[in-house]
Amino acid sequence: MSNVIKVAMADLNVVTAPDTIRTSGLGSCVGLVLYDDLRAIAGMAHIMLPSSSLSKQEKMNEAKYADTAIPALLTRLEKVGARSNSLKAKLAGGAQMFSFSTGNDLMRIGPRNVEAIKLKLGELGIPIVSEDVGGKNGRTIEFDPASKKLHIRTVNKGSVDI
């Protein structure tokens, strides 16, 4: 009997097969999956913003920002037996949900989230196996650590596995 573990916005969690892990409502947010290729362990973070330097709160939610969510997810994965040297990444989301005529870089949250995640994964030496990012549509994603497939449902576009 397998369960679907849900990850809320600005949250993260880990799962082992046969359970799967899911997040929905990915617009400019990015769903990042880190998984151990050998152990059927996976973690998912629903990342809202590129940098924790944008945080105004005294007690910061580390799952909300790319630069803090990825190390936090890594720590959680290692606690349940994942080995950092066999981790791989898949990501989805980072849509540009609204068009702005100003060209203000601050409004490009989706693309900036994707850039920040790729930068952090590069620093940590975690390869990105596949991605479905950008566009203008929201997504729901579910990862199965047994098959290593990321199932993506995109609003008005149907489903794909990567």
C-alpha atoms as a PDB file:
ATOM      1  CA  MET A   1       0.000   0.000   0.000  1.00  0.00           C
ATOM      2  CA  SER A   2       1.587   3.259  -1.073  1.00  0.00           C
ATOM      3  CA  ASN A   3       0.847   6.799   0.042  1.00  0.00           C
ATOM      4  CA  VAL A   4       1.090  10.120  -1.740  1.00  0.00           C
ATOM      5  CA  ILE A   5       3.024  12.542   0.434  1.00  0.00           C
ATOM      6  CA  LYS A   6       1.930  16.107  -0.266  1.00  0.00           C
ATOM      7  CA  VAL A   7       4.282  19.076  -0.214  1.00  0.00           C
ATOM      8  CA  ALA A   8       2.661  22.457   0.384  1.00  0.00           C
ATOM      9  CA  MET A   9       3.838  25.780  -1.032  1.00  0.00           C
ATOM     10  CA  ALA A  10       7.135  26.882   0.581  1.00  0.00           C
ATOM     11  CA  ASP A  11       7.556  23.411   2.101  1.00  0.00           C
ATOM     12  CA  LEU A  12       9.682  20.317   1.611  1.00  0.00           C
ATOM     13  CA  ASN A  13       9.529  16.635   2.483  1.00  0.00           C
ATOM     14  CA  VAL A  14      11.155  13.278   1.749  1.00  0.00           C
ATOM     15  CA  VAL A  15       9.738   9.905   0.757  1.00  0.00           C
ATOM     16  CA  THR A  16      10.873   6.335   0.144  1.00  0.00           C
ATOM     17  CA  ALA A  17       9.373   3.901  -2.372  1.00  0.00           C
ATOM     18  CA  PRO A  18       6.663   2.690  -2.756  1.00  0.00           C
ATOM     19  CA  ASP A  19       5.319   6.083  -1.602  1.00  0.00           C
ATOM     20  CA  THR A  20       5.248   8.994  -4.043  1.00  0.00           C
ATOM     21  CA  ILE A  21       5.561  12.732  -3.405  1.00  0.00           C
ATOM     22  CA  ARG A  22       3.420  15.487  -4.946  1.00  0.00           C
ATOM     23  CA  THR A  23       3.033  19.254  -5.044  1.00  0.00           C
ATOM     24  CA  SER A  24       0.483  21.348  -6.886  1.00  0.00           C
ATOM     25  CA  GLY A  25      -0.029  24.982  -7.724  1.00  0.00           C
ATOM     26  CA  LEU A  26       3.376  25.502  -9.321  1.00  0.00           C
ATOM     27  CA  GLY A  27       3.177  28.783 -11.191  1.00  0.00           C
ATOM     28  CA  SER A  28       6.333  30.864 -10.876  1.00  0.00           C
ATOM     29  CA  CYS A  29       7.302  28.480  -8.046  1.00  0.00           C
ATOM     30  CA  VAL A  30       9.593  25.569  -8.888  1.00  0.00           C
ATOM     31  CA  GLY A  31       9.117  22.000  -7.753  1.00  0.00           C
ATOM     32  CA  LEU A  32      12.565  20.522  -7.196  1.00  0.00           C
ATOM     33  CA  VAL A  33      13.045  16.782  -6.795  1.00  0.00           C
ATOM     34  CA  LEU A  34      16.321  15.375  -5.487  1.00  0.00           C
ATOM     35  CA  TYR A  35      16.558  11.600  -5.553  1.00  0.00           C
ATOM     36  CA  ASP A  36      19.110   8.936  -4.713  1.00  0.00           C
ATOM     37  CA  ASP A  37      19.536   6.916  -7.878  1.00  0.00           C
ATOM     38  CA  LEU A  38      20.385   3.732  -5.969  1.00  0.00           C
ATOM     39  CA  ARG A  39      18.175   3.788  -2.875  1.00  0.00           C
ATOM     40  CA  ALA A  40      14.641   4.790  -4.044  1.00  0.00           C
ATOM     41  CA  ILE A  41      14.654   7.810  -1.719  1.00  0.00           C
ATOM     42  CA  ALA A  42      13.452  11.199  -2.936  1.00  0.00           C
ATOM     43  CA  GLY A  43      12.823  14.663  -1.596  1.00  0.00           C
ATOM     44  CA  MET A  44      10.779  17.514  -2.992  1.00  0.00           C
ATOM     45  CA  ALA A  45      10.840  21.239  -2.310  1.00  0.00           C
ATOM     46  CA  HIS A  46       8.195  23.744  -3.462  1.00  0.00           C
ATOM     47  CA  ILE A  47      10.414  26.811  -3.887  1.00  0.00           C
ATOM     48  CA  MET A  48       8.755  30.239  -4.109  1.00  0.00           C
ATOM     49  CA  LEU A  49      11.609  32.733  -4.360  1.00  0.00           C
ATOM     50  CA  PRO A  50      15.232  32.730  -5.551  1.00  0.00           C
ATOM     51  CA  SER A  51      17.048  34.179  -2.540  1.00  0.00           C
ATOM     52  CA  SER A  52      16.616  34.282   1.236  1.00  0.00           C
ATOM     53  CA  SER A  53      18.014  37.815   1.117  1.00  0.00           C
ATOM     54  CA  LEU A  54      14.417  38.737   0.158  1.00  0.00           C
ATOM     55  CA  SER A  55      13.159  37.493   3.544  1.00  0.00           C
ATOM     56  CA  LYS A  56      11.635  40.093   5.827  1.00  0.00           C
ATOM     57  CA  GLN A  57      10.640  37.685   8.598  1.00  0.00           C
ATOM     58  CA  GLU A  58      12.578  37.235  11.787  1.00  0.00           C
ATOM     59  CA  LYS A  59      12.071  33.453  11.672  1.00  0.00           C
ATOM     60  CA  MET A  60      12.691  32.582   8.043  1.00  0.00           C
ATOM     61  CA  ASN A  61      11.027  29.638   6.289  1.00  0.00           C
ATOM     62  CA  GLU A  62      14.055  27.967   4.692  1.00  0.00           C
ATOM     63  CA  ALA A  63      11.861  25.921   2.298  1.00  0.00           C
ATOM     64  CA  LYS A  64      10.634  29.118   0.633  1.00  0.00           C
ATOM     65  CA  TYR A  65      13.950  30.158  -0.982  1.00  0.00           C
ATOM     66  CA  ALA A  66      16.167  28.353  -3.511  1.00  0.00           C
ATOM     67  CA  ASP A  67      19.421  29.114  -1.675  1.00  0.00           C
ATOM     68  CA  THR A  68      18.181  27.694   1.655  1.00  0.00           C
ATOM     69  CA  ALA A  69      15.659  25.010   0.561  1.00  0.00           C
ATOM     70  CA  ILE A  70      18.202  22.930  -1.363  1.00  0.00           C
ATOM     71  CA  PRO A  71      20.701  22.502   1.535  1.00  0.00           C
ATOM     72  CA  ALA A  72      17.765  21.830   3.915  1.00  0.00           C
ATOM     73  CA  LEU A  73      16.386  19.169   1.559  1.00  0.00           C
ATOM     74  CA  LEU A  74      19.845  17.631   1.239  1.00  0.00           C
ATOM     75  CA  THR A  75      20.135  17.354   5.037  1.00  0.00           C
ATOM     76  CA  ARG A  76      16.705  15.694   5.297  1.00  0.00           C
ATOM     77  CA  LEU A  77      17.586  13.211   2.535  1.00  0.00           C
ATOM     78  CA  GLU A  78      20.892  12.267   4.173  1.00  0.00           C
ATOM     79  CA  LYS A  79      19.067  11.683   7.488  1.00  0.00           C
ATOM     80  CA  VAL A  80      16.941   8.959   5.856  1.00  0.00           C
ATOM     81  CA  GLY A  81      19.902   7.285   4.163  1.00  0.00           C
ATOM     82  CA  ALA A  82      20.360   9.055   0.825  1.00  0.00           C
ATOM     83  CA  ARG A  83      23.965   9.505  -0.277  1.00  0.00           C
ATOM     84  CA  SER A  84      24.779  12.968  -1.594  1.00  0.00           C
ATOM     85  CA  ASN A  85      27.176  11.600  -4.220  1.00  0.00           C
ATOM     86  CA  SER A  86      24.400   9.585  -5.888  1.00  0.00           C
ATOM     87  CA  LEU A  87      21.773  12.356  -5.941  1.00  0.00           C
ATOM     88  CA  LYS A  88      20.193  13.592  -9.141  1.00  0.00           C
ATOM     89  CA  ALA A  89      17.722  16.432  -9.726  1.00  0.00           C
ATOM     90  CA  LYS A  90      14.572  17.004 -11.747  1.00  0.00           C
ATOM     91  CA  LEU A  91      12.661  20.265 -11.767  1.00  0.00           C
ATOM     92  CA  ALA A  92       9.411  21.694 -13.050  1.00  0.00           C
ATOM     93  CA  GLY A  93       7.636  25.038 -12.837  1.00  0.00           C
ATOM     94  CA  GLY A  94       9.132  28.485 -13.013  1.00  0.00           C
ATOM     95  CA  ALA A  95       6.410  29.786 -15.310  1.00  0.00           C
ATOM     96  CA  GLN A  96       6.089  33.448 -16.177  1.00  0.00           C
ATOM     97  CA  MET A  97       2.458  33.680 -15.067  1.00  0.00           C
ATOM     98  CA  PHE A  98       1.927  37.329 -15.967  1.00  0.00           C
ATOM     99  CA  SER A  99       3.419  39.520 -18.656  1.00  0.00           C
ATOM    100  CA  PHE A 100       4.919  42.830 -17.633  1.00  0.00           C
ATOM    101  CA  SER A 101       5.625  45.635 -20.035  1.00  0.00           C
ATOM    102  CA  THR A 102       8.161  47.243 -17.683  1.00  0.00           C
ATOM    103  CA  GLY A 103      10.818  44.588 -18.226  1.00  0.00           C
ATOM    104  CA  ASN A 104      11.589  44.819 -14.500  1.00  0.00           C
ATOM    105  CA  ASP A 105      13.845  41.879 -13.576  1.00  0.00           C
ATOM    106  CA  LEU A 106      12.204  41.579 -10.143  1.00  0.00           C
ATOM    107  CA  MET A 107       8.980  40.531 -11.849  1.00  0.00           C
ATOM    108  CA  ARG A 108      10.670  37.590 -13.589  1.00  0.00           C
ATOM    109  CA  ILE A 109      10.209  35.389 -10.512  1.00  0.00           C
ATOM    110  CA  GLY A 110       9.794  32.085 -12.410  1.00  0.00           C
ATOM    111  CA  PRO A 111      12.956  32.385 -14.549  1.00  0.00           C
ATOM    112  CA  ARG A 112      14.924  33.753 -11.573  1.00  0.00           C
ATOM    113  CA  ASN A 113      13.829  30.778  -9.435  1.00  0.00           C
ATOM    114  CA  VAL A 114      15.068  28.372 -12.109  1.00  0.00           C
ATOM    115  CA  GLU A 115      18.416  30.228 -12.413  1.00  0.00           C
ATOM    116  CA  ALA A 116      18.923  30.254  -8.624  1.00  0.00           C
ATOM    117  CA  ILE A 117      18.163  26.526  -8.326  1.00  0.00           C
ATOM    118  CA  LYS A 118      20.530  25.628 -11.172  1.00  0.00           C
ATOM    119  CA  LEU A 119      23.265  27.757  -9.599  1.00  0.00           C
ATOM    120  CA  LYS A 120      22.882  26.081  -6.189  1.00  0.00           C
ATOM    121  CA  LEU A 121      22.740  22.563  -7.672  1.00  0.00           C
ATOM    122  CA  GLY A 122      25.888  23.371  -9.657  1.00  0.00           C
ATOM    123  CA  GLU A 123      27.676  24.506  -6.497  1.00  0.00           C
ATOM    124  CA  LEU A 124      26.689  21.232  -4.810  1.00  0.00           C
ATOM    125  CA  GLY A 125      27.642  19.103  -7.822  1.00  0.00           C
ATOM    126  CA  ILE A 126      24.137  17.637  -8.245  1.00  0.00           C
ATOM    127  CA  PRO A 127      23.335  16.936 -11.922  1.00  0.00           C
ATOM    128  CA  ILE A 128      19.965  17.939 -13.403  1.00  0.00           C
ATOM    129  CA  VAL A 129      18.647  14.926 -15.303  1.00  0.00           C
ATOM    130  CA  SER A 130      15.557  16.585 -16.785  1.00  0.00           C
ATOM    131  CA  GLU A 131      13.407  19.676 -16.461  1.00  0.00           C
ATOM    132  CA  ASP A 132      10.104  21.143 -17.589  1.00  0.00           C
ATOM    133  CA  VAL A 133      10.359  24.846 -16.803  1.00  0.00           C
ATOM    134  CA  GLY A 134       9.104  28.166 -18.103  1.00  0.00           C
ATOM    135  CA  GLY A 135       6.048  28.783 -20.197  1.00  0.00           C
ATOM    136  CA  LYS A 136       2.932  30.508 -18.922  1.00  0.00           C
ATOM    137  CA  ASN A 137       0.963  27.627 -17.367  1.00  0.00           C
ATOM    138  CA  GLY A 138       0.715  26.215 -13.863  1.00  0.00           C
ATOM    139  CA  ARG A 139       1.759  22.646 -13.061  1.00  0.00           C
ATOM    140  CA  THR A 140       1.151  19.807 -10.609  1.00  0.00           C
ATOM    141  CA  ILE A 141       3.977  17.298 -10.235  1.00  0.00           C
ATOM    142  CA  GLU A 142       4.329  13.857  -8.661  1.00  0.00           C
ATOM    143  CA  PHE A 143       7.556  11.885  -8.317  1.00  0.00           C
ATOM    144  CA  ASP A 144       7.859   8.126  -7.939  1.00  0.00           C
ATOM    145  CA  PRO A 145      11.213   7.155  -6.360  1.00  0.00           C
ATOM    146  CA  ALA A 146      10.832   3.552  -7.591  1.00  0.00           C
ATOM    147  CA  SER A 147      10.496   4.419 -11.312  1.00  0.00           C
ATOM    148  CA  LYS A 148      12.399   7.744 -11.010  1.00  0.00           C
ATOM    149  CA  LYS A 149       9.673   9.315 -13.160  1.00  0.00           C
ATOM    150  CA  LEU A 150       8.410  12.831 -12.569  1.00  0.00           C
ATOM    151  CA  HIS A 151       4.797  13.058 -13.727  1.00  0.00           C
ATOM    152  CA  ILE A 152       3.845  16.613 -14.709  1.00  0.00           C
ATOM    153  CA  ARG A 153       0.304  17.823 -15.347  1.00  0.00           C
ATOM    154  CA  THR A 154       0.324  21.251 -17.000  1.00  0.00           C
ATOM    155  CA  VAL A 155      -2.820  23.405 -17.080  1.00  0.00           C
ATOM    156  CA  ASN A 156      -4.330  23.337 -20.607  1.00  0.00           C
ATOM    157  CA  LYS A 157      -1.467  21.165 -21.893  1.00  0.00           C
ATOM    158  CA  GLY A 158      -1.995  17.634 -20.562  1.00  0.00           C
ATOM    159  CA  SER A 159       0.547  15.365 -18.883  1.00  0.00           C
ATOM    160  CA  VAL A 160       4.122  14.273 -19.467  1.00  0.00           C
ATOM    161  CA  ASP A 161       6.660  12.081 -17.641  1.00  0.00           C
ATOM    162  CA  ILE A 162      10.274  13.165 -17.440  1.00  0.00           C
END
